[in-house]
Amino acid sequence: MDRLVFTSNATIKEQATARQVLVNDLANVSTVGFKSSYDVALQSVKVEGPGFDSRYQAQAVARDQIRLTPGAVMATGRPMDIALADQAVLTVQAPNGDLAFTRRGDLKVNPQGQLENGSGHLVLGNGGPIAVPPGMQISINPDGTVYAKDPAQPPTAPSVLIDQLRLRDATDVKLARRQDGLFKVDGQADGVDIAVGQGQPRLIPQALEGSNVSAIEAMTRLIDHSRSFETQIRVIKEMKSLDESGASMMKTA
């Protein structure tokens, strides 16, 4: 009975990681450009100890690899909003200064005159963070080129190229989630760049990409985890009851 209680308790512990992933996905259903992770994988681990040499139990293995399935694209009409197309990612500067990647494209100009996204991460261009001249109107083309125009000039005046968004194609690259929520190359140190391939990453101007998390699917799986948790607790309580009944029968009169 003790071994059965141990197995049930181990199951509850191993499912905790998967529940955390689901809760995090649900919390980011409405986050712009959020990408879910692959499910927690299970592997069989041999249990050492007395008894037959055939005891195995499942052990959770966290695989926080990014699922780049596109989310719903929403047209906003805002010149500084972009939605990354296909498997493209946007290069930004992480809070610690490292190079990192994201799919969040709600861009704006901060008080220092630099381009950043809705999370406050500086957007990188060819020479570092992109600086925007004061008072200029910004427009972004599908190839990632950033143009600025003085609103005081006539409408026919040409726009001026100020920089190029550092876009990367992650089609053949596995991405993992950093501690700050940004992406990095899986298996590599933080700050490693993605090699430039033959394909040209593209974006959709004046649009935003929604989260790729299905709220209904995530809620259904979370309910399934809750029922599994209740089942394991019921097993532990039943074993406790059987153990108490056995102890009572062994008592001498």
Protein backbone atom coordinates (compact mmCIF):
# COMPACT_ATOMS: atom_id res chain seq x y z
CA MET A 1 0.00 0.00 0.00
CA ASP A 2 2.85 2.37 0.80
CA ARG A 3 4.19 1.84 -2.72
CA LEU A 4 0.80 2.64 -4.23
CA VAL A 5 0.61 5.87 -2.22
CA PHE A 6 4.14 6.71 -3.35
CA THR A 7 3.17 6.16 -6.99
CA SER A 8 0.08 8.37 -6.69
CA ASN A 9 2.05 11.10 -4.94
CA ALA A 10 4.76 10.94 -7.62
CA THR A 11 2.09 11.26 -10.33
CA ILE A 12 0.71 14.42 -8.71
CA LYS A 13 4.21 15.89 -8.52
CA GLU A 14 5.09 15.10 -12.15
CA GLN A 15 1.83 16.55 -13.48
CA ALA A 16 2.48 19.86 -11.71
CA THR A 17 4.86 21.03 -14.47
CA ALA A 18 2.28 20.37 -17.18
CA ARG A 19 -0.36 22.27 -15.19
CA GLN A 20 1.98 25.25 -14.86
CA VAL A 21 2.45 25.32 -18.65
CA LEU A 22 -1.32 25.25 -19.21
CA VAL A 23 -1.96 28.00 -16.66
CA ASN A 24 0.72 30.16 -18.28
CA ASP A 25 -0.88 29.61 -21.71
CA LEU A 26 -4.32 30.60 -20.40
CA ALA A 27 -2.90 33.73 -18.77
CA ASN A 28 -1.54 34.84 -22.17
CA VAL A 29 -4.56 34.12 -24.38
CA SER A 30 -4.93 37.83 -25.13
CA THR A 31 -1.20 38.71 -25.23
CA VAL A 32 -0.06 40.06 -28.60
CA GLY A 33 2.25 37.64 -30.41
CA PHE A 34 2.36 35.10 -27.57
CA LYS A 35 3.49 31.61 -28.56
CA SER A 36 2.69 28.48 -26.59
CA SER A 37 5.27 25.83 -25.77
CA TYR A 38 5.36 22.16 -26.59
CA ASP A 39 3.71 19.93 -24.02
CA VAL A 40 5.67 18.41 -21.18
CA ALA A 41 7.08 15.06 -22.27
CA LEU A 42 7.10 11.94 -20.09
CA GLN A 43 9.88 9.39 -19.80
CA SER A 44 10.05 6.08 -17.92
CA VAL A 45 12.46 5.99 -14.99
CA LYS A 46 13.46 2.85 -13.14
CA VAL A 47 12.67 2.99 -9.42
CA GLU A 48 15.46 1.65 -7.25
CA GLY A 49 14.67 -0.09 -3.98
CA PRO A 50 13.44 -3.35 -2.48
CA GLY A 51 11.07 -5.46 -4.53
CA PHE A 52 11.04 -6.82 -8.04
CA ASP A 53 13.51 -5.35 -10.53
CA SER A 54 10.72 -4.17 -12.82
CA ARG A 55 9.35 -1.04 -11.19
CA TYR A 56 9.14 2.00 -13.47
CA GLN A 57 7.29 5.28 -13.17
CA ALA A 58 6.72 8.27 -15.43
CA GLN A 59 8.85 11.36 -14.96
CA ALA A 60 8.03 14.73 -16.49
CA VAL A 61 10.63 16.35 -18.73
CA ALA A 62 10.10 20.06 -19.39
CA ARG A 63 10.58 20.97 -23.05
CA ASP A 64 9.90 24.69 -23.28
CA GLN A 65 10.33 24.84 -27.05
CA ILE A 66 8.32 27.51 -28.82
CA ARG A 67 5.45 26.47 -31.06
CA LEU A 68 5.53 29.03 -33.89
CA THR A 69 2.05 28.22 -35.15
CA PRO A 70 0.65 31.56 -36.42
CA GLY A 71 -2.08 33.26 -34.44
CA ALA A 72 -4.99 35.25 -35.77
CA VAL A 73 -3.93 38.41 -37.63
CA MET A 74 -5.91 41.52 -36.74
CA ALA A 75 -5.83 44.62 -38.95
CA THR A 76 -5.35 47.76 -36.83
CA GLY A 77 -4.55 50.47 -39.38
CA ARG A 78 -1.85 51.78 -37.05
CA PRO A 79 1.35 52.53 -39.03
CA MET A 80 3.67 51.15 -36.34
CA ASP A 81 1.87 47.84 -35.81
CA ILE A 82 3.40 44.79 -37.51
CA ALA A 83 2.50 41.09 -37.62
CA LEU A 84 5.34 38.68 -38.35
CA ALA A 85 4.53 36.40 -41.31
CA ASP A 86 5.21 32.65 -41.49
CA GLN A 87 8.10 31.70 -39.14
CA ALA A 88 9.73 35.13 -38.95
CA VAL A 89 10.85 36.57 -35.61
CA LEU A 90 11.83 40.10 -34.61
CA THR A 91 15.21 40.74 -32.99
CA VAL A 92 15.06 42.83 -29.82
CA GLN A 93 17.30 43.74 -26.92
CA ALA A 94 16.56 41.84 -23.72
CA PRO A 95 16.49 43.68 -20.36
CA ASN A 96 20.01 42.39 -19.59
CA GLY A 97 21.32 43.64 -22.95
CA ASP A 98 21.36 40.27 -24.72
CA LEU A 99 20.08 39.76 -28.23
CA ALA A 100 16.73 37.94 -28.17
CA PHE A 101 13.68 37.30 -30.37
CA THR A 102 9.94 37.90 -30.15
CA ARG A 103 6.75 37.85 -32.21
CA ARG A 104 5.24 40.87 -30.47
CA GLY A 105 4.86 43.70 -32.96
CA ASP A 106 2.95 46.52 -31.23
CA LEU A 107 5.74 49.03 -31.74
CA LYS A 108 6.01 52.55 -30.35
CA VAL A 109 8.60 55.29 -29.79
CA ASN A 110 9.73 55.64 -26.17
CA PRO A 111 10.62 58.97 -24.50
CA GLN A 112 14.28 58.45 -25.45
CA GLY A 113 13.33 58.38 -29.15
CA GLN A 114 13.99 54.65 -29.59
CA LEU A 115 11.68 52.07 -31.13
CA GLU A 116 10.33 49.47 -28.70
CA ASN A 117 7.47 46.99 -28.54
CA GLY A 118 4.59 46.76 -26.09
CA SER A 119 6.73 44.86 -23.57
CA GLY A 120 9.34 47.64 -23.51
CA HIS A 121 12.01 45.69 -25.41
CA LEU A 122 14.14 47.83 -27.72
CA VAL A 123 13.83 46.85 -31.40
CA LEU A 124 17.16 46.23 -33.10
CA GLY A 125 18.14 47.39 -36.55
CA ASN A 126 21.32 47.00 -38.56
CA GLY A 127 23.36 49.05 -36.13
CA GLY A 128 21.65 48.44 -32.79
CA PRO A 129 18.48 49.94 -31.29
CA ILE A 130 16.53 51.93 -33.87
CA ALA A 131 16.44 55.67 -33.16
CA VAL A 132 13.56 57.75 -34.52
CA PRO A 133 14.05 61.47 -35.28
CA PRO A 134 11.81 63.66 -33.07
CA GLY A 135 8.41 64.56 -34.48
CA MET A 136 8.61 62.17 -37.44
CA GLN A 137 5.86 59.85 -38.64
CA ILE A 138 6.96 56.25 -38.98
CA SER A 139 5.94 53.72 -41.63
CA ILE A 140 7.16 50.12 -42.00
CA ASN A 141 7.24 48.14 -45.24
CA PRO A 142 6.67 44.37 -45.60
CA ASP A 143 10.43 43.78 -45.96
CA GLY A 144 11.10 45.47 -42.60
CA THR A 145 12.43 48.80 -43.86
CA VAL A 146 11.54 51.70 -41.58
CA TYR A 147 10.80 55.09 -43.12
CA ALA A 148 10.26 58.46 -41.45
CA LYS A 149 8.46 61.52 -42.78
CA ASP A 150 8.03 65.02 -41.44
CA PRO A 151 4.25 65.64 -41.07
CA ALA A 152 4.85 69.35 -41.81
CA GLN A 153 6.03 68.56 -45.33
CA PRO A 154 3.64 68.23 -48.30
CA PRO A 155 2.05 64.81 -48.81
CA THR A 156 4.07 64.34 -51.99
CA ALA A 157 7.41 64.71 -50.13
CA PRO A 158 9.37 61.43 -50.08
CA SER A 159 9.93 59.48 -46.87
CA VAL A 160 13.45 58.95 -45.56
CA LEU A 161 14.87 55.49 -44.83
CA ILE A 162 16.16 55.44 -41.25
CA ASP A 163 16.83 51.73 -40.62
CA GLN A 164 15.88 48.12 -41.26
CA LEU A 165 14.18 45.82 -38.73
CA ARG A 166 16.44 42.90 -37.93
CA LEU A 167 14.14 40.07 -38.97
CA ARG A 168 15.15 36.41 -38.84
CA ASP A 169 13.64 33.29 -40.39
CA ALA A 170 13.18 30.58 -37.72
CA THR A 171 11.74 27.93 -40.07
CA ASP A 172 14.64 25.51 -39.51
CA VAL A 173 15.57 26.72 -36.03
CA LYS A 174 14.24 25.44 -32.71
CA LEU A 175 13.52 28.26 -30.28
CA ALA A 176 13.29 28.05 -26.49
CA ARG A 177 11.81 30.48 -23.99
CA ARG A 178 14.12 32.58 -21.87
CA GLN A 179 13.48 33.47 -18.23
CA ASP A 180 12.23 36.92 -19.33
CA GLY A 181 9.71 35.42 -21.79
CA LEU A 182 11.68 36.23 -24.94
CA PHE A 183 12.96 33.58 -27.36
CA LYS A 184 16.46 32.23 -27.91
CA VAL A 185 18.04 29.50 -30.02
CA ASP A 186 17.39 26.18 -28.27
CA GLY A 187 20.54 24.54 -26.96
CA GLN A 188 22.62 27.71 -27.37
CA ALA A 189 23.69 30.37 -24.90
CA ASP A 190 21.59 33.50 -24.52
CA GLY A 191 22.39 36.15 -27.11
CA VAL A 192 23.25 33.81 -30.01
CA ASP A 193 21.87 35.13 -33.32
CA ILE A 194 20.02 33.11 -35.95
CA ALA A 195 22.01 32.62 -39.13
CA VAL A 196 20.68 34.56 -42.10
CA GLY A 197 19.23 32.13 -44.62
CA GLN A 198 18.23 32.40 -48.25
CA GLY A 199 14.60 33.20 -47.46
CA GLN A 200 13.65 36.82 -46.79
CA PRO A 201 11.49 37.17 -43.65
CA ARG A 202 8.35 39.20 -44.21
CA LEU A 203 5.86 41.06 -42.06
CA ILE A 204 2.32 42.38 -42.40
CA PRO A 205 2.16 46.17 -41.86
CA GLN A 206 -0.63 47.82 -39.86
CA ALA A 207 -1.69 44.55 -38.24
CA LEU A 208 -1.07 42.57 -35.08
CA GLU A 209 -0.83 38.84 -34.48
CA GLY A 210 -2.84 37.41 -31.63
CA SER A 211 -1.87 34.55 -29.34
CA ASN A 212 -1.81 31.04 -30.84
CA VAL A 213 -3.29 29.56 -27.64
CA SER A 214 -6.74 28.01 -27.98
CA ALA A 215 -8.59 28.95 -24.80
CA ILE A 216 -11.11 26.12 -25.20
CA GLU A 217 -8.42 23.48 -25.74
CA ALA A 218 -6.31 24.75 -22.84
CA MET A 219 -9.34 24.83 -20.49
CA THR A 220 -10.34 21.29 -21.50
CA ARG A 221 -6.87 19.96 -20.79
CA LEU A 222 -6.72 21.83 -17.49
CA ILE A 223 -10.02 20.24 -16.42
CA ASP A 224 -8.59 16.84 -17.37
CA HIS A 225 -5.54 17.51 -15.19
CA SER A 226 -7.81 18.55 -12.30
CA ARG A 227 -9.78 15.31 -12.55
CA SER A 228 -6.57 13.29 -12.64
CA PHE A 229 -5.42 15.12 -9.50
CA GLU A 230 -8.70 14.31 -7.75
CA THR A 231 -8.36 10.65 -8.74
CA GLN A 232 -4.87 10.38 -7.26
CA ILE A 233 -6.03 12.04 -4.02
CA ARG A 234 -8.95 9.58 -3.88
CA VAL A 235 -6.53 6.67 -4.27
CA ILE A 236 -4.37 7.96 -1.40
CA LYS A 237 -7.42 8.38 0.86
CA GLU A 238 -8.65 4.88 -0.03
CA MET A 239 -5.26 3.37 0.78
CA LYS A 240 -5.27 5.18 4.11
CA SER A 241 -8.71 3.74 4.89
CA LEU A 242 -7.60 0.20 3.96
CA ASP A 243 -4.46 0.55 6.05
CA GLU A 244 -6.47 1.68 9.08
CA SER A 245 -8.90 -1.24 8.61
CA GLY A 246 -6.01 -3.70 8.44
CA ALA A 247 -4.40 -2.24 11.55
CA SER A 248 -7.70 -2.49 13.40
CA MET A 249 -8.05 -6.20 12.52
CA MET A 250 -4.53 -6.90 13.83
CA LYS A 251 -5.28 -5.44 17.26
CA THR A 252 -5.47 -7.95 20.10
CA ALA A 253 -8.62 -8.04 22.16
